[in-house]
Amino acid sequence: MINVKKVWLKWESYWFKVLGRWRSCPLACPVDSPGHRHVFWSWFGSFLAITATSYLAIKTNSPLLMAPFGATSVLIFGVPDSPLAQPRNVIGGNCLVALTSLIILQLLGSAPWAMGVAVSSAIAIMQITRTLHPPSGAVALVVMMTKPDWQFLLTPTFEGSMILVLCAVIFNNLAEERTYPKHWL
């Protein structure tokens, strides 16, 4: 027999979680927002990193940029203290996901269900290897949608990730209040 009260409590609890705890941003939001200096350093650092990568791509005639690197810049310059922004996560996450997605592409093709396999496998592999980097989920989709050759693993994935991390290391440490990385491995 179904316990109606128990079912109702689970349903009520579910909707409480779905709706969130506040109807709008809590009063603490303005206190938690970054200061003007942090915003400037984030803006300027990401500007220099993406510009440098773009310039190198043009000069070397190599595709060093891909859309997920925009999201990587948000992490490594906007929240450089985040565990998701550390070099291990940026380089390891992007490279492992690119490799996994290339294998899935070769084995399963690029059907919609294979794209789902690529992204979900990317998440699992990053969790297992402790290299979780949210923009890498987009790397999986880039692979599945563009169907690149194995060179994609080197350029843009590895080389582009290295350039962005190098820019973040150099630039973030110029500001007194910023330190990057928190750890390498």
N, C-alpha and C. Protein backbone atom coordinates (compact mmCIF):
# COMPACT_ATOMS: atom_id res chain seq x y z
N MET A 1 0.84 -1.18 0.00
CA MET A 1 0.00 0.00 0.00
C MET A 1 0.89 1.25 0.00
N ILE A 2 0.48 2.23 -0.73
CA ILE A 2 1.26 3.46 -0.85
C ILE A 2 0.96 4.38 0.31
N ASN A 3 2.01 4.87 0.93
CA ASN A 3 1.87 5.82 2.01
C ASN A 3 1.79 7.22 1.39
N VAL A 4 0.59 7.76 1.31
CA VAL A 4 0.34 9.03 0.63
C VAL A 4 1.12 10.17 1.29
N LYS A 5 1.19 10.18 2.58
CA LYS A 5 1.89 11.25 3.29
C LYS A 5 3.38 11.24 2.92
N LYS A 6 3.98 10.05 2.87
CA LYS A 6 5.40 9.91 2.52
C LYS A 6 5.65 10.38 1.09
N VAL A 7 4.78 9.99 0.17
CA VAL A 7 4.89 10.42 -1.23
C VAL A 7 4.77 11.94 -1.32
N TRP A 8 3.81 12.51 -0.59
CA TRP A 8 3.60 13.95 -0.61
C TRP A 8 4.83 14.70 -0.08
N LEU A 9 5.43 14.19 0.99
CA LEU A 9 6.62 14.83 1.56
C LEU A 9 7.79 14.79 0.58
N LYS A 10 7.96 13.67 -0.12
CA LYS A 10 9.03 13.58 -1.12
C LYS A 10 8.77 14.57 -2.25
N TRP A 11 7.52 14.66 -2.70
CA TRP A 11 7.14 15.58 -3.77
C TRP A 11 7.39 17.03 -3.33
N GLU A 12 7.00 17.36 -2.14
CA GLU A 12 7.19 18.71 -1.60
C GLU A 12 8.69 19.03 -1.47
N SER A 13 9.46 18.08 -1.00
CA SER A 13 10.91 18.26 -0.87
C SER A 13 11.55 18.47 -2.23
N TYR A 14 11.10 17.69 -3.21
CA TYR A 14 11.64 17.84 -4.58
C TYR A 14 11.41 19.25 -5.09
N TRP A 15 10.19 19.76 -4.98
CA TRP A 15 9.89 21.10 -5.51
C TRP A 15 10.60 22.19 -4.73
N PHE A 16 10.82 21.98 -3.45
CA PHE A 16 11.59 22.94 -2.67
C PHE A 16 13.00 23.06 -3.24
N LYS A 17 13.61 21.91 -3.58
CA LYS A 17 14.96 21.94 -4.15
C LYS A 17 14.95 22.57 -5.54
N VAL A 18 13.96 22.27 -6.35
CA VAL A 18 13.87 22.82 -7.71
C VAL A 18 13.74 24.33 -7.68
N LEU A 19 12.93 24.84 -6.76
CA LEU A 19 12.67 26.28 -6.70
C LEU A 19 13.79 27.07 -6.04
N GLY A 20 14.68 26.40 -5.36
CA GLY A 20 15.78 27.09 -4.71
C GLY A 20 15.39 27.61 -3.35
N ARG A 21 16.36 28.19 -2.69
CA ARG A 21 16.11 28.65 -1.32
C ARG A 21 15.63 30.09 -1.28
N TRP A 22 15.99 30.89 -2.28
CA TRP A 22 15.58 32.28 -2.29
C TRP A 22 14.85 32.58 -3.59
N ARG A 23 13.97 33.54 -3.54
CA ARG A 23 13.26 33.94 -4.75
C ARG A 23 14.15 34.80 -5.65
N SER A 24 15.09 35.50 -5.06
CA SER A 24 16.05 36.29 -5.83
C SER A 24 17.38 36.22 -5.10
N CYS A 25 18.36 36.92 -5.62
CA CYS A 25 19.69 36.90 -5.02
C CYS A 25 19.60 37.32 -3.56
N PRO A 26 20.21 36.55 -2.67
CA PRO A 26 20.16 36.93 -1.25
C PRO A 26 20.92 38.23 -1.01
N LEU A 27 20.69 38.83 0.13
CA LEU A 27 21.32 40.11 0.45
C LEU A 27 22.84 40.03 0.45
N ALA A 28 23.38 38.84 0.63
CA ALA A 28 24.84 38.68 0.67
C ALA A 28 25.49 38.82 -0.70
N CYS A 29 24.71 38.76 -1.78
CA CYS A 29 25.30 38.81 -3.13
C CYS A 29 26.22 40.02 -3.36
N PRO A 30 25.79 41.23 -3.05
CA PRO A 30 26.70 42.37 -3.32
C PRO A 30 28.01 42.26 -2.56
N VAL A 31 27.98 41.69 -1.35
CA VAL A 31 29.20 41.54 -0.57
C VAL A 31 30.13 40.53 -1.25
N ASP A 32 29.55 39.48 -1.85
CA ASP A 32 30.33 38.43 -2.46
C ASP A 32 30.81 38.78 -3.87
N SER A 33 30.28 39.86 -4.45
CA SER A 33 30.69 40.18 -5.82
C SER A 33 32.14 40.67 -5.82
N PRO A 34 32.85 40.39 -6.91
CA PRO A 34 34.26 40.78 -6.95
C PRO A 34 34.43 42.29 -7.02
N GLY A 35 35.53 42.76 -6.49
CA GLY A 35 35.81 44.19 -6.54
C GLY A 35 36.23 44.62 -7.93
N HIS A 36 36.32 45.93 -8.11
CA HIS A 36 36.68 46.49 -9.42
C HIS A 36 38.06 46.04 -9.88
N ARG A 37 38.99 45.91 -8.95
CA ARG A 37 40.34 45.46 -9.32
C ARG A 37 40.31 44.03 -9.86
N HIS A 38 39.56 43.17 -9.19
CA HIS A 38 39.46 41.78 -9.64
C HIS A 38 38.82 41.71 -11.03
N VAL A 39 37.77 42.49 -11.24
CA VAL A 39 37.11 42.52 -12.55
C VAL A 39 38.08 43.02 -13.62
N PHE A 40 38.83 44.07 -13.29
CA PHE A 40 39.79 44.59 -14.27
C PHE A 40 40.84 43.55 -14.61
N TRP A 41 41.43 42.90 -13.59
CA TRP A 41 42.46 41.90 -13.85
C TRP A 41 41.89 40.72 -14.64
N SER A 42 40.68 40.32 -14.33
CA SER A 42 40.04 39.23 -15.09
C SER A 42 39.83 39.63 -16.54
N TRP A 43 39.33 40.83 -16.74
CA TRP A 43 39.08 41.33 -18.11
C TRP A 43 40.40 41.43 -18.87
N PHE A 44 41.37 42.08 -18.28
CA PHE A 44 42.64 42.33 -18.96
C PHE A 44 43.40 41.03 -19.22
N GLY A 45 43.41 40.13 -18.25
CA GLY A 45 44.10 38.85 -18.43
C GLY A 45 43.48 38.01 -19.52
N SER A 46 42.16 37.92 -19.53
CA SER A 46 41.51 37.12 -20.57
C SER A 46 41.67 37.78 -21.94
N PHE A 47 41.65 39.10 -21.97
CA PHE A 47 41.88 39.82 -23.23
C PHE A 47 43.27 39.48 -23.79
N LEU A 48 44.28 39.57 -22.94
CA LEU A 48 45.64 39.28 -23.40
C LEU A 48 45.81 37.81 -23.81
N ALA A 49 45.25 36.89 -23.05
CA ALA A 49 45.41 35.46 -23.34
C ALA A 49 44.74 35.07 -24.65
N ILE A 50 43.51 35.50 -24.84
CA ILE A 50 42.80 35.15 -26.08
C ILE A 50 43.43 35.88 -27.27
N THR A 51 43.85 37.12 -27.08
CA THR A 51 44.51 37.86 -28.16
C THR A 51 45.84 37.21 -28.53
N ALA A 52 46.62 36.83 -27.53
CA ALA A 52 47.91 36.17 -27.80
C ALA A 52 47.70 34.84 -28.52
N THR A 53 46.73 34.07 -28.08
CA THR A 53 46.45 32.79 -28.72
C THR A 53 45.97 33.00 -30.16
N SER A 54 45.12 33.99 -30.36
CA SER A 54 44.64 34.31 -31.72
C SER A 54 45.79 34.75 -32.61
N TYR A 55 46.64 35.60 -32.07
CA TYR A 55 47.79 36.10 -32.83
C TYR A 55 48.72 34.94 -33.23
N LEU A 56 49.01 34.07 -32.27
CA LEU A 56 49.85 32.90 -32.55
C LEU A 56 49.20 31.99 -33.58
N ALA A 57 47.89 31.85 -33.52
CA ALA A 57 47.17 31.02 -34.48
C ALA A 57 47.34 31.58 -35.90
N ILE A 58 47.26 32.89 -36.03
CA ILE A 58 47.41 33.53 -37.34
C ILE A 58 48.85 33.41 -37.82
N LYS A 59 49.80 33.72 -36.95
CA LYS A 59 51.21 33.70 -37.33
C LYS A 59 51.71 32.30 -37.68
N THR A 60 51.24 31.30 -36.97
CA THR A 60 51.72 29.95 -37.22
C THR A 60 50.80 29.18 -38.17
N ASN A 61 49.71 29.82 -38.55
CA ASN A 61 48.72 29.19 -39.42
C ASN A 61 48.24 27.86 -38.82
N SER A 62 48.03 27.88 -37.48
CA SER A 62 47.55 26.71 -36.75
C SER A 62 46.24 27.06 -36.06
N PRO A 63 45.31 26.14 -36.01
CA PRO A 63 44.04 26.41 -35.32
C PRO A 63 44.18 26.25 -33.81
N LEU A 64 44.74 27.26 -33.17
CA LEU A 64 45.01 27.15 -31.73
C LEU A 64 43.80 27.49 -30.86
N LEU A 65 42.78 28.06 -31.44
CA LEU A 65 41.60 28.46 -30.67
C LEU A 65 40.42 27.57 -30.96
N MET A 66 39.60 27.37 -29.94
CA MET A 66 38.29 26.75 -30.10
C MET A 66 37.38 27.38 -29.06
N ALA A 67 36.09 27.33 -29.29
CA ALA A 67 35.12 28.01 -28.43
C ALA A 67 35.26 27.68 -26.94
N PRO A 68 35.52 26.43 -26.54
CA PRO A 68 35.63 26.16 -25.11
C PRO A 68 36.73 26.96 -24.40
N PHE A 69 37.70 27.47 -25.15
CA PHE A 69 38.75 28.27 -24.52
C PHE A 69 38.23 29.59 -23.98
N GLY A 70 37.12 30.07 -24.51
CA GLY A 70 36.48 31.26 -23.93
C GLY A 70 36.01 30.96 -22.52
N ALA A 71 35.40 29.80 -22.34
CA ALA A 71 34.94 29.39 -21.01
C ALA A 71 36.12 29.09 -20.09
N THR A 72 37.19 28.54 -20.64
CA THR A 72 38.40 28.31 -19.84
C THR A 72 38.93 29.64 -19.31
N SER A 73 38.90 30.67 -20.15
CA SER A 73 39.36 32.00 -19.73
C SER A 73 38.53 32.54 -18.58
N VAL A 74 37.23 32.27 -18.60
CA VAL A 74 36.37 32.71 -17.48
C VAL A 74 36.89 32.12 -16.18
N LEU A 75 37.26 30.84 -16.22
CA LEU A 75 37.73 30.19 -15.00
C LEU A 75 39.13 30.65 -14.59
N ILE A 76 40.09 30.61 -15.51
CA ILE A 76 41.48 30.88 -15.11
C ILE A 76 41.74 32.35 -14.80
N PHE A 77 40.89 33.25 -15.31
CA PHE A 77 41.06 34.67 -14.98
C PHE A 77 39.96 35.19 -14.05
N GLY A 78 38.74 34.67 -14.17
CA GLY A 78 37.64 35.14 -13.33
C GLY A 78 37.64 34.54 -11.94
N VAL A 79 37.98 33.25 -11.85
CA VAL A 79 38.03 32.55 -10.55
C VAL A 79 39.29 31.68 -10.50
N PRO A 80 40.47 32.31 -10.54
CA PRO A 80 41.71 31.54 -10.61
C PRO A 80 41.97 30.64 -9.40
N ASP A 81 41.28 30.87 -8.29
CA ASP A 81 41.44 30.03 -7.11
C ASP A 81 40.63 28.74 -7.21
N SER A 82 39.71 28.67 -8.15
CA SER A 82 38.84 27.52 -8.26
C SER A 82 39.63 26.25 -8.59
N PRO A 83 39.26 25.14 -7.96
CA PRO A 83 39.92 23.87 -8.31
C PRO A 83 39.72 23.53 -9.79
N LEU A 84 38.62 23.98 -10.38
CA LEU A 84 38.32 23.69 -11.79
C LEU A 84 39.19 24.50 -12.75
N ALA A 85 39.91 25.51 -12.23
CA ALA A 85 40.73 26.39 -13.06
C ALA A 85 42.22 26.05 -12.99
N GLN A 86 42.59 25.06 -12.23
CA GLN A 86 44.01 24.75 -12.07
C GLN A 86 44.59 24.07 -13.31
N PRO A 87 45.90 24.23 -13.56
CA PRO A 87 46.52 23.68 -14.78
C PRO A 87 46.22 22.21 -15.01
N ARG A 88 46.26 21.41 -13.96
CA ARG A 88 45.95 19.98 -14.10
C ARG A 88 44.58 19.79 -14.73
N ASN A 89 43.62 20.59 -14.29
CA ASN A 89 42.26 20.47 -14.79
C ASN A 89 42.12 21.00 -16.21
N VAL A 90 42.74 22.15 -16.48
CA VAL A 90 42.64 22.75 -17.81
C VAL A 90 43.29 21.84 -18.85
N ILE A 91 44.55 21.52 -18.63
CA ILE A 91 45.30 20.73 -19.63
C ILE A 91 44.83 19.28 -19.62
N GLY A 92 44.77 18.69 -18.43
CA GLY A 92 44.36 17.29 -18.32
C GLY A 92 42.94 17.07 -18.77
N GLY A 93 42.02 17.91 -18.31
CA GLY A 93 40.62 17.77 -18.71
C GLY A 93 40.44 17.89 -20.21
N ASN A 94 41.00 18.95 -20.79
CA ASN A 94 40.85 19.15 -22.23
C ASN A 94 41.46 18.01 -23.04
N CYS A 95 42.66 17.58 -22.67
CA CYS A 95 43.33 16.52 -23.45
C CYS A 95 42.66 15.16 -23.28
N LEU A 96 42.28 14.81 -22.06
CA LEU A 96 41.60 13.52 -21.85
C LEU A 96 40.27 13.47 -22.58
N VAL A 97 39.54 14.58 -22.54
CA VAL A 97 38.24 14.63 -23.20
C VAL A 97 38.41 14.59 -24.71
N ALA A 98 39.39 15.31 -25.24
CA ALA A 98 39.63 15.28 -26.68
C ALA A 98 39.97 13.85 -27.12
N LEU A 99 40.85 13.20 -26.38
CA LEU A 99 41.23 11.82 -26.71
C LEU A 99 40.02 10.88 -26.65
N THR A 100 39.28 10.95 -25.57
CA THR A 100 38.09 10.12 -25.40
C THR A 100 37.09 10.36 -26.52
N SER A 101 36.85 11.61 -26.83
CA SER A 101 35.87 11.96 -27.86
C SER A 101 36.32 11.52 -29.24
N LEU A 102 37.61 11.62 -29.51
CA LEU A 102 38.13 11.14 -30.80
C LEU A 102 37.95 9.63 -30.93
N ILE A 103 38.17 8.92 -29.84
CA ILE A 103 37.96 7.46 -29.87
C ILE A 103 36.48 7.14 -30.09
N ILE A 104 35.61 7.83 -29.37
CA ILE A 104 34.17 7.61 -29.52
C ILE A 104 33.73 7.96 -30.94
N LEU A 105 34.26 9.04 -31.49
CA LEU A 105 33.94 9.43 -32.86
C LEU A 105 34.32 8.32 -33.84
N GLN A 106 35.51 7.74 -33.65
CA GLN A 106 35.97 6.67 -34.54
C GLN A 106 35.11 5.41 -34.40
N LEU A 107 34.72 5.10 -33.18
CA LEU A 107 33.97 3.86 -32.93
C LEU A 107 32.47 3.98 -33.21
N LEU A 108 31.89 5.14 -32.86
CA LEU A 108 30.43 5.26 -32.90
C LEU A 108 29.91 6.28 -33.90
N GLY A 109 30.80 7.08 -34.48
CA GLY A 109 30.34 8.13 -35.38
C GLY A 109 29.86 9.34 -34.60
N SER A 110 29.08 10.18 -35.26
CA SER A 110 28.66 11.44 -34.62
C SER A 110 27.14 11.58 -34.51
N ALA A 111 26.45 10.48 -34.38
CA ALA A 111 25.00 10.51 -34.19
C ALA A 111 24.68 11.22 -32.87
N PRO A 112 23.47 11.73 -32.73
CA PRO A 112 23.10 12.41 -31.47
C PRO A 112 23.37 11.57 -30.23
N TRP A 113 23.08 10.29 -30.27
CA TRP A 113 23.33 9.46 -29.09
C TRP A 113 24.83 9.32 -28.82
N ALA A 114 25.66 9.34 -29.87
CA ALA A 114 27.11 9.27 -29.69
C ALA A 114 27.63 10.56 -29.05
N MET A 115 26.99 11.69 -29.38
CA MET A 115 27.36 12.95 -28.72
C MET A 115 27.08 12.87 -27.23
N GLY A 116 25.94 12.26 -26.88
CA GLY A 116 25.62 12.05 -25.47
C GLY A 116 26.63 11.15 -24.79
N VAL A 117 27.05 10.10 -25.49
CA VAL A 117 28.07 9.20 -24.95
C VAL A 117 29.38 9.96 -24.74
N ALA A 118 29.74 10.82 -25.70
CA ALA A 118 31.00 11.57 -25.60
C ALA A 118 30.99 12.51 -24.40
N VAL A 119 29.93 13.28 -24.23
CA VAL A 119 29.89 14.24 -23.12
C VAL A 119 29.80 13.52 -21.78
N SER A 120 28.95 12.51 -21.68
CA SER A 120 28.84 11.80 -20.39
C SER A 120 30.12 11.05 -20.06
N SER A 121 30.77 10.49 -21.06
CA SER A 121 32.06 9.82 -20.83
C SER A 121 33.12 10.82 -20.42
N ALA A 122 33.07 12.01 -21.01
CA ALA A 122 34.01 13.07 -20.65
C ALA A 122 33.88 13.42 -19.17
N ILE A 123 32.65 13.57 -18.72
CA ILE A 123 32.42 13.90 -17.31
C ILE A 123 32.97 12.79 -16.41
N ALA A 124 32.65 11.55 -16.75
CA ALA A 124 33.09 10.42 -15.92
C ALA A 124 34.62 10.33 -15.88
N ILE A 125 35.26 10.47 -17.02
CA ILE A 125 36.73 10.36 -17.07
C ILE A 125 37.38 11.49 -16.28
N MET A 126 36.84 12.70 -16.41
CA MET A 126 37.42 13.81 -15.64
C MET A 126 37.21 13.61 -14.14
N GLN A 127 36.06 13.07 -13.75
CA GLN A 127 35.84 12.81 -12.33
C GLN A 127 36.79 11.74 -11.81
N ILE A 128 36.96 10.68 -12.56
CA ILE A 128 37.84 9.59 -12.14
C ILE A 128 39.29 10.06 -12.02
N THR A 129 39.73 10.91 -12.96
CA THR A 129 41.13 11.36 -12.98
C THR A 129 41.35 12.67 -12.21
N ARG A 130 40.30 13.17 -11.58
CA ARG A 130 40.38 14.44 -10.84
C ARG A 130 40.88 15.59 -11.72
N THR A 131 40.36 15.65 -12.94
CA THR A 131 40.72 16.73 -13.87
C THR A 131 39.46 17.45 -14.35
N LEU A 132 38.46 17.56 -13.49
CA LEU A 132 37.19 18.16 -13.87
C LEU A 132 37.38 19.61 -14.30
N HIS A 133 36.97 19.90 -15.52
CA HIS A 133 37.08 21.24 -16.11
C HIS A 133 35.85 21.44 -16.99
N PRO A 134 34.84 22.18 -16.53
CA PRO A 134 33.57 22.28 -17.27
C PRO A 134 33.70 22.61 -18.77
N PRO A 135 34.59 23.52 -19.18
CA PRO A 135 34.69 23.77 -20.62
C PRO A 135 35.08 22.54 -21.44
N SER A 136 35.66 21.55 -20.81
CA SER A 136 36.03 20.33 -21.53
C SER A 136 34.81 19.58 -22.03
N GLY A 137 33.68 19.75 -21.38
CA GLY A 137 32.45 19.16 -21.89
C GLY A 137 32.13 19.69 -23.28
N ALA A 138 32.45 20.96 -23.49
CA ALA A 138 32.26 21.55 -24.82
C ALA A 138 33.29 21.03 -25.81
N VAL A 139 34.48 20.68 -25.33
CA VAL A 139 35.50 20.09 -26.21
C VAL A 139 34.95 18.79 -26.80
N ALA A 140 34.25 18.01 -25.99
CA ALA A 140 33.66 16.77 -26.49
C ALA A 140 32.70 17.06 -27.64
N LEU A 141 31.89 18.09 -27.48
CA LEU A 141 30.94 18.43 -28.55
C LEU A 141 31.64 18.98 -29.78
N VAL A 142 32.70 19.76 -29.57
CA VAL A 142 33.46 20.27 -30.72
C VAL A 142 34.00 19.09 -31.55
N VAL A 143 34.54 18.09 -30.89
CA VAL A 143 35.06 16.92 -31.59
C VAL A 143 33.94 16.23 -32.36
N MET A 144 32.84 15.99 -31.69
CA MET A 144 31.75 15.25 -32.32
C MET A 144 31.12 16.04 -33.47
N MET A 145 31.09 17.35 -33.38
CA MET A 145 30.43 18.16 -34.40
C MET A 145 31.34 18.49 -35.59
N THR A 146 32.63 18.61 -35.33
CA THR A 146 33.55 19.00 -36.42
C THR A 146 34.27 17.80 -37.03
N LYS A 147 34.25 16.67 -36.35
CA LYS A 147 34.88 15.44 -36.83
C LYS A 147 36.34 15.65 -37.26
N PRO A 148 37.16 16.17 -36.37
CA PRO A 148 38.56 16.43 -36.73
C PRO A 148 39.38 15.15 -36.80
N ASP A 149 40.60 15.29 -37.31
CA ASP A 149 41.51 14.13 -37.29
C ASP A 149 42.24 14.11 -35.95
N TRP A 150 43.15 13.17 -35.79
CA TRP A 150 43.85 12.98 -34.52
C TRP A 150 44.76 14.16 -34.17
N GLN A 151 45.10 14.99 -35.13
CA GLN A 151 45.92 16.18 -34.90
C GLN A 151 45.23 17.13 -33.90
N PHE A 152 43.91 17.05 -33.83
CA PHE A 152 43.13 17.89 -32.92
C PHE A 152 43.61 17.76 -31.48
N LEU A 153 44.11 16.58 -31.14
CA LEU A 153 44.60 16.35 -29.78
C LEU A 153 45.78 17.26 -29.46
N LEU A 154 46.64 17.49 -30.45
CA LEU A 154 47.79 18.37 -30.26
C LEU A 154 47.40 19.83 -30.48
N THR A 155 46.82 20.10 -31.64
CA THR A 155 46.42 21.47 -31.99
C THR A 155 44.96 21.44 -32.41
N PRO A 156 44.11 22.09 -31.70
CA PRO A 156 44.31 23.13 -30.70
C PRO A 156 44.34 22.67 -29.25
N THR A 157 43.96 21.43 -28.97
CA THR A 157 43.70 21.04 -27.58
C THR A 157 44.90 21.24 -26.66
N PHE A 158 45.98 20.51 -26.88
CA PHE A 158 47.12 20.60 -25.97
C PHE A 158 47.82 21.95 -26.07
N GLU A 159 48.17 22.37 -27.28
CA GLU A 159 48.91 23.62 -27.45
C GLU A 159 48.10 24.83 -26.98
N GLY A 160 46.82 24.87 -27.33
CA GLY A 160 45.98 25.99 -26.88
C GLY A 160 45.82 26.03 -25.38
N SER A 161 45.63 24.85 -24.77
CA SER A 161 45.51 24.78 -23.30
C SER A 161 46.80 25.25 -22.64
N MET A 162 47.94 24.84 -23.19
CA MET A 162 49.23 25.26 -22.63
C MET A 162 49.42 26.78 -22.73
N ILE A 163 49.05 27.36 -23.86
CA ILE A 163 49.19 28.81 -24.04
C ILE A 163 48.32 29.55 -23.02
N LEU A 164 47.08 29.10 -22.85
CA LEU A 164 46.19 29.77 -21.90
C LEU A 164 46.71 29.65 -20.46
N VAL A 165 47.17 28.46 -20.10
CA VAL A 165 47.70 28.27 -18.75
C VAL A 165 48.96 29.12 -18.55
N LEU A 166 49.83 29.14 -19.52
CA LEU A 166 51.04 29.96 -19.43
C LEU A 166 50.69 31.44 -19.26
N CYS A 167 49.73 31.92 -20.03
CA CYS A 167 49.28 33.31 -19.89
C CYS A 167 48.71 33.55 -18.49
N ALA A 168 47.93 32.60 -17.99
CA ALA A 168 47.34 32.75 -16.66
C ALA A 168 48.40 32.76 -15.57
N VAL A 169 49.41 31.91 -15.71
CA VAL A 169 50.50 31.87 -14.72
C VAL A 169 51.24 33.21 -14.71
N ILE A 170 51.60 33.68 -15.88
CA ILE A 170 52.36 34.94 -15.97
C ILE A 170 51.51 36.11 -15.51
N PHE A 171 50.31 36.22 -16.04
CA PHE A 171 49.50 37.41 -15.78
C PHE A 171 48.92 37.45 -14.38
N ASN A 172 48.31 36.35 -13.92
CA ASN A 172 47.66 36.38 -12.61
C ASN A 172 48.63 36.69 -11.48
N ASN A 173 49.88 36.32 -11.62
CA ASN A 173 50.85 36.57 -10.56
C ASN A 173 51.43 37.98 -10.58
N LEU A 174 51.06 38.77 -11.59
CA LEU A 174 51.47 40.18 -11.61
C LEU A 174 50.70 41.01 -10.58
N ALA A 175 49.48 40.62 -10.30
CA ALA A 175 48.66 41.33 -9.31
C ALA A 175 49.01 40.81 -7.92
N GLU A 176 49.17 41.73 -6.98
CA GLU A 176 49.54 41.34 -5.62
C GLU A 176 48.55 40.39 -4.97
N GLU A 177 47.27 40.61 -5.22
CA GLU A 177 46.24 39.83 -4.55
C GLU A 177 45.87 38.52 -5.27
N ARG A 178 46.55 38.22 -6.37
CA ARG A 178 46.23 37.01 -7.13
C ARG A 178 47.41 36.04 -7.12
N THR A 179 47.09 34.76 -7.03
CA THR A 179 48.10 33.72 -7.11
C THR A 179 47.56 32.62 -8.01
N TYR A 180 48.34 32.24 -8.99
CA TYR A 180 47.93 31.16 -9.87
C TYR A 180 49.17 30.42 -10.35
N PRO A 181 49.20 29.15 -10.27
CA PRO A 181 48.14 28.24 -9.80
C PRO A 181 48.20 28.01 -8.30
N LYS A 182 47.16 27.43 -7.79
CA LYS A 182 47.15 26.99 -6.39
C LYS A 182 47.93 25.69 -6.27
N HIS A 183 47.89 24.89 -7.33
CA HIS A 183 48.66 23.64 -7.40
C HIS A 183 48.79 23.24 -8.86
N TRP A 184 49.82 22.46 -9.16
CA TRP A 184 50.03 21.98 -10.53
C TRP A 184 49.44 20.60 -10.72
N LEU A 185 49.65 19.73 -9.75
CA LEU A 185 49.17 18.35 -9.88
C LEU A 185 48.10 18.02 -8.87
